[in-house]
Protein backbone atom coordinates (compact mmCIF):
# COMPACT_ATOMS: atom_id res chain seq x y z
CA MET A 1 -29.97 -18.15 -6.36
CA ARG A 2 -26.49 -17.15 -7.48
CA GLN A 3 -25.22 -13.58 -7.74
CA ILE A 4 -25.01 -13.84 -11.52
CA ASP A 5 -28.67 -14.94 -11.70
CA LEU A 6 -29.75 -11.93 -9.62
CA ILE A 7 -27.71 -9.58 -11.78
CA HIS A 8 -29.28 -10.90 -14.97
CA ARG A 9 -32.70 -10.65 -13.36
CA GLN A 10 -32.20 -6.88 -13.05
CA ALA A 11 -30.49 -6.32 -16.40
CA ASP A 12 -33.66 -5.17 -18.15
CA PHE A 13 -34.49 -2.66 -15.42
CA PHE A 14 -31.06 -1.02 -15.42
CA GLY A 15 -30.90 -1.33 -19.21
CA ASP A 16 -34.00 0.85 -19.50
CA PHE A 17 -31.96 3.64 -17.87
CA GLY A 18 -28.92 3.30 -20.09
CA PHE A 19 -26.82 0.87 -18.05
CA SER A 20 -25.17 -2.17 -19.62
CA LEU A 21 -23.64 -5.14 -17.82
CA ASP A 22 -19.89 -5.52 -17.91
CA PRO A 23 -19.64 -9.34 -18.09
CA LYS A 24 -16.11 -9.46 -16.70
CA LEU A 25 -16.59 -7.18 -13.69
CA LEU A 26 -20.32 -8.03 -13.19
CA VAL A 27 -21.15 -4.37 -12.73
CA PHE A 28 -23.73 -2.21 -14.47
CA LYS A 29 -22.05 0.68 -16.23
CA LYS A 30 -23.18 3.83 -18.03
CA ALA A 31 -20.75 6.10 -19.85
CA ILE A 32 -20.67 9.80 -18.94
CA PRO A 33 -18.51 12.54 -20.52
CA LYS A 34 -15.79 12.34 -17.83
CA GLY A 35 -15.96 8.63 -17.03
CA ALA A 36 -18.73 6.28 -15.94
CA GLN A 37 -21.63 5.68 -13.55
CA LEU A 38 -21.57 2.24 -11.91
CA ILE A 39 -23.96 0.04 -9.96
CA PHE A 40 -22.58 -2.89 -7.96
CA ILE A 41 -24.74 -5.74 -6.72
CA HIS A 42 -23.40 -8.06 -3.99
CA TYR A 43 -25.38 -11.18 -3.13
CA THR A 44 -24.06 -13.39 -0.32
CA PRO A 45 -26.03 -16.57 0.43
CA TYR A 46 -26.18 -18.27 3.84
CA SER A 47 -27.95 -21.34 5.14
CA ASP A 48 -30.96 -19.34 6.35
CA GLY A 49 -31.10 -16.66 3.63
CA ALA A 50 -28.88 -14.15 1.89
CA TYR A 51 -27.58 -10.60 2.20
CA LEU A 52 -28.13 -8.29 -0.75
CA GLU A 53 -26.22 -5.02 -1.04
CA TYR A 54 -26.08 -2.30 -3.71
CA ASN A 55 -23.35 0.27 -4.13
CA LEU A 56 -23.46 3.28 -6.45
CA GLY A 57 -20.25 4.52 -7.99
CA ILE A 58 -18.80 7.37 -10.02
CA ARG A 59 -15.56 7.08 -11.93
CA ILE A 60 -13.74 10.18 -13.25
CA ASP A 61 -11.16 8.82 -15.68
CA GLU A 62 -8.56 11.60 -15.40
CA VAL A 63 -8.60 11.43 -11.60
CA GLU A 64 -8.09 7.66 -11.53
CA TYR A 65 -5.29 7.57 -14.10
CA MET A 66 -3.58 10.47 -12.35
CA ILE A 67 -3.56 9.15 -8.78
CA HIS A 68 -2.54 5.60 -9.64
CA LYS A 69 0.74 6.87 -10.99
CA PHE A 70 1.66 7.51 -7.36
CA LEU A 71 -0.29 4.86 -5.40
CA PRO A 72 0.91 1.25 -5.00
CA SER A 73 -1.77 -0.13 -7.34
CA MET A 74 -1.83 -3.47 -9.12
CA HIS A 75 -1.13 -3.39 -12.85
CA GLY A 76 -4.23 -2.31 -14.73
CA TYR A 77 -6.13 -1.35 -11.59
CA SER A 78 -6.48 2.26 -12.73
CA ASP A 79 -8.61 1.06 -15.65
CA ASN A 80 -11.35 -0.13 -13.31
CA SER A 81 -10.94 1.86 -10.08
CA VAL A 82 -13.83 4.02 -8.88
CA THR A 83 -13.57 7.60 -7.64
CA LEU A 84 -16.49 7.42 -5.21
CA VAL A 85 -18.63 4.50 -4.06
CA GLN A 86 -21.64 5.11 -1.86
CA THR A 87 -24.06 2.79 -0.09
CA LEU A 88 -27.85 3.00 -0.33
CA ASP A 89 -28.37 4.15 3.26
CA LYS A 90 -26.24 7.26 2.63
CA ILE A 91 -28.41 8.30 -0.32
CA GLY A 92 -31.90 7.04 0.51
CA LYS A 93 -32.15 7.47 4.27
CA GLU A 94 -35.13 5.12 4.52
CA LEU A 95 -33.12 2.18 3.21
CA PRO A 96 -30.64 -0.08 5.03
CA LYS A 97 -27.06 -0.52 3.93
CA ARG A 98 -27.94 -4.08 2.97
CA PHE A 99 -31.01 -6.31 2.91
CA PHE A 100 -31.55 -9.78 4.35
CA VAL A 101 -33.74 -11.94 2.12
CA GLU A 102 -35.19 -15.22 3.33
CA ASN A 103 -37.14 -16.50 0.35
CA ASP A 104 -38.42 -15.61 -3.12
CA GLY A 105 -41.22 -13.52 -1.64
CA SER A 106 -38.95 -11.31 0.41
CA LEU A 107 -36.52 -11.03 -2.50
CA ALA A 108 -39.31 -9.79 -4.77
CA ARG A 109 -40.27 -7.15 -2.20
CA VAL A 110 -36.66 -6.01 -1.81
CA LEU A 111 -36.17 -5.74 -5.56
CA MET A 112 -39.34 -3.66 -5.83
CA SER A 113 -38.15 -1.24 -3.12
CA VAL A 114 -34.69 -1.05 -4.71
CA GLU A 115 -36.10 -0.21 -8.12
CA LYS A 116 -38.32 2.41 -6.53
CA PHE A 117 -35.24 3.91 -4.82
CA PHE A 118 -33.30 4.13 -8.06
CA VAL A 119 -36.18 5.82 -9.87
CA SER A 120 -36.80 8.35 -7.07
CA ASN A 121 -33.25 8.95 -5.76
CA GLY A 122 -30.50 6.69 -7.05
CA PHE A 123 -30.28 7.71 -10.70
CA ALA A 124 -30.61 11.39 -9.72
CA TRP A 125 -27.71 11.02 -7.27
CA LEU A 126 -25.57 9.41 -9.96
CA ASP A 127 -26.37 12.22 -12.38
CA GLN A 128 -25.61 14.83 -9.74
CA MET A 129 -22.26 13.29 -8.84
CA SER A 130 -21.33 12.91 -12.50
CA ASP A 131 -20.63 16.64 -12.43
CA PRO A 132 -17.01 16.80 -11.19
CA LEU A 133 -17.76 20.08 -9.36
CA ASN A 134 -20.34 18.31 -7.22
CA LEU A 135 -17.97 15.41 -6.65
CA GLU A 136 -15.19 17.79 -5.62
CA LYS A 137 -17.57 19.50 -3.22
CA ALA A 138 -18.52 16.15 -1.68
CA PHE A 139 -14.86 15.25 -1.09
CA ALA A 140 -13.99 18.70 0.27
CA GLY A 141 -16.93 18.49 2.67
CA ARG A 142 -15.60 15.21 4.08
CA LYS A 143 -11.88 15.96 3.98
CA GLU A 144 -11.45 15.09 7.64
CA ARG A 145 -13.64 11.99 7.45
CA LYS A 146 -12.95 9.34 4.85
CA PHE A 147 -15.79 7.77 2.91
CA LYS A 148 -16.52 4.40 4.47
CA THR A 149 -15.91 2.62 1.17
CA GLN A 150 -12.26 3.68 0.82
CA ASN A 151 -9.27 4.21 3.08
CA PHE A 152 -8.07 7.68 4.00
CA ILE A 153 -5.05 7.93 1.71
CA TYR A 154 -7.19 7.18 -1.36
CA ASN A 155 -9.71 9.73 -0.13
CA ALA A 156 -6.96 12.37 0.16
CA PHE A 157 -5.48 11.61 -3.27
CA ARG A 158 -8.87 11.82 -4.96
CA GLY A 159 -9.98 14.93 -3.12
CA THR A 160 -6.72 16.67 -3.97
CA ALA A 161 -6.92 15.67 -7.64
CA LEU A 162 -10.54 16.80 -7.95
CA SER A 163 -9.63 20.15 -6.44
CA LYS A 164 -6.66 20.69 -8.76
CA LEU A 165 -8.68 19.73 -11.83
CA TYR A 166 -12.06 21.30 -11.15
CA LYS A 167 -11.72 23.88 -8.33
CA PRO A 168 -8.16 25.21 -8.76
CA GLU A 169 -8.93 28.40 -6.85
CA ASP A 170 -9.40 26.29 -3.69
CA TYR A 171 -6.48 23.94 -4.37
CA PRO A 172 -3.74 25.84 -2.44
CA ILE A 173 -5.76 25.71 0.80
CA LEU A 174 -7.05 22.17 0.33
CA ARG A 175 -3.61 20.79 -0.48
CA GLU A 176 -2.33 22.04 2.88
CA THR A 177 -5.35 20.67 4.70
CA TYR A 178 -5.05 17.26 3.05
CA LEU A 179 -1.29 17.21 3.63
CA GLY A 180 -1.77 17.78 7.34
CA LEU A 181 -4.43 15.07 7.49
CA VAL A 182 -2.27 12.61 5.56
CA LYS A 183 0.62 13.15 7.99
CA GLN A 184 -1.78 12.72 10.91
CA ASN A 185 -3.71 9.70 9.66
CA SER A 186 -1.42 7.72 7.37
CA ALA A 187 -0.15 4.48 8.83
CA THR A 188 3.11 4.29 6.88
CA PRO A 189 5.90 6.68 5.82
CA PHE A 190 5.44 5.29 2.30
CA ASN A 191 1.94 6.77 2.10
CA ILE A 192 3.23 10.18 3.16
CA ALA A 193 6.11 10.00 0.68
CA SER A 194 3.72 8.99 -2.14
CA TYR A 195 1.43 11.89 -1.34
CA LEU A 196 4.33 14.37 -1.27
CA LYS A 197 5.44 13.14 -4.70
CA PHE A 198 1.87 13.60 -5.92
CA LEU A 199 1.77 17.17 -4.63
CA ASN A 200 5.11 17.92 -6.25
CA TYR A 201 3.74 16.65 -9.56
CA LEU A 202 0.58 18.78 -9.23
CA ASP A 203 2.57 21.88 -8.24
CA GLU A 204 5.42 21.59 -10.73
CA ASP A 205 4.65 19.27 -13.65
CA PHE A 206 0.87 18.92 -14.03
CA THR A 207 -0.77 19.85 -17.29
CA HIS A 208 -4.39 19.09 -18.05
CA ASP A 209 -4.76 16.17 -20.45
CA SER A 210 -7.02 17.33 -23.28
CA SER A 211 -7.91 13.72 -24.17
CA PHE A 212 -10.22 13.52 -21.11
């Protein structure tokens, strides 16, 4: 089985919950007021079976367009970047990060358990994190530990942006905390300089974009 075949096999299930397949990115997407909910499916075949992994994502449009003005991103990357991506095992503790499937029978059992997870936990987590206040809280709670799905500098940029936009009363303290962590953890002077430019923009020039 190819990844595209597996994705189409689950299109009806995710479609019942409002997700449509982006044919270019091969990701299931659902629009929310501030951006989008996303579900990624990765299927990697081997000679004796295949690994199957799901990631759940939240994109906040204003955050992504803001930070990529200062990060060394590829052209157009800010249109498709994701604010937070989380693995199944961090949401549903009874599930592994990825599954190993050996045949059609084991695949059917995995898909059944995955669909059960989404109905009981996954969709609720996506709805919860679609509230930028909850997303900001999640980043602030992990400010000293990056999310495994992104490097530290991206984590700091996004956490800072979320604070400025949605929890401005905490921003002065968090900016200093993130700045110290960026200086401590960043591998290159360029990252530190980019973050300092970002802070200068937030402190001196930022105005909330009413189009978001």
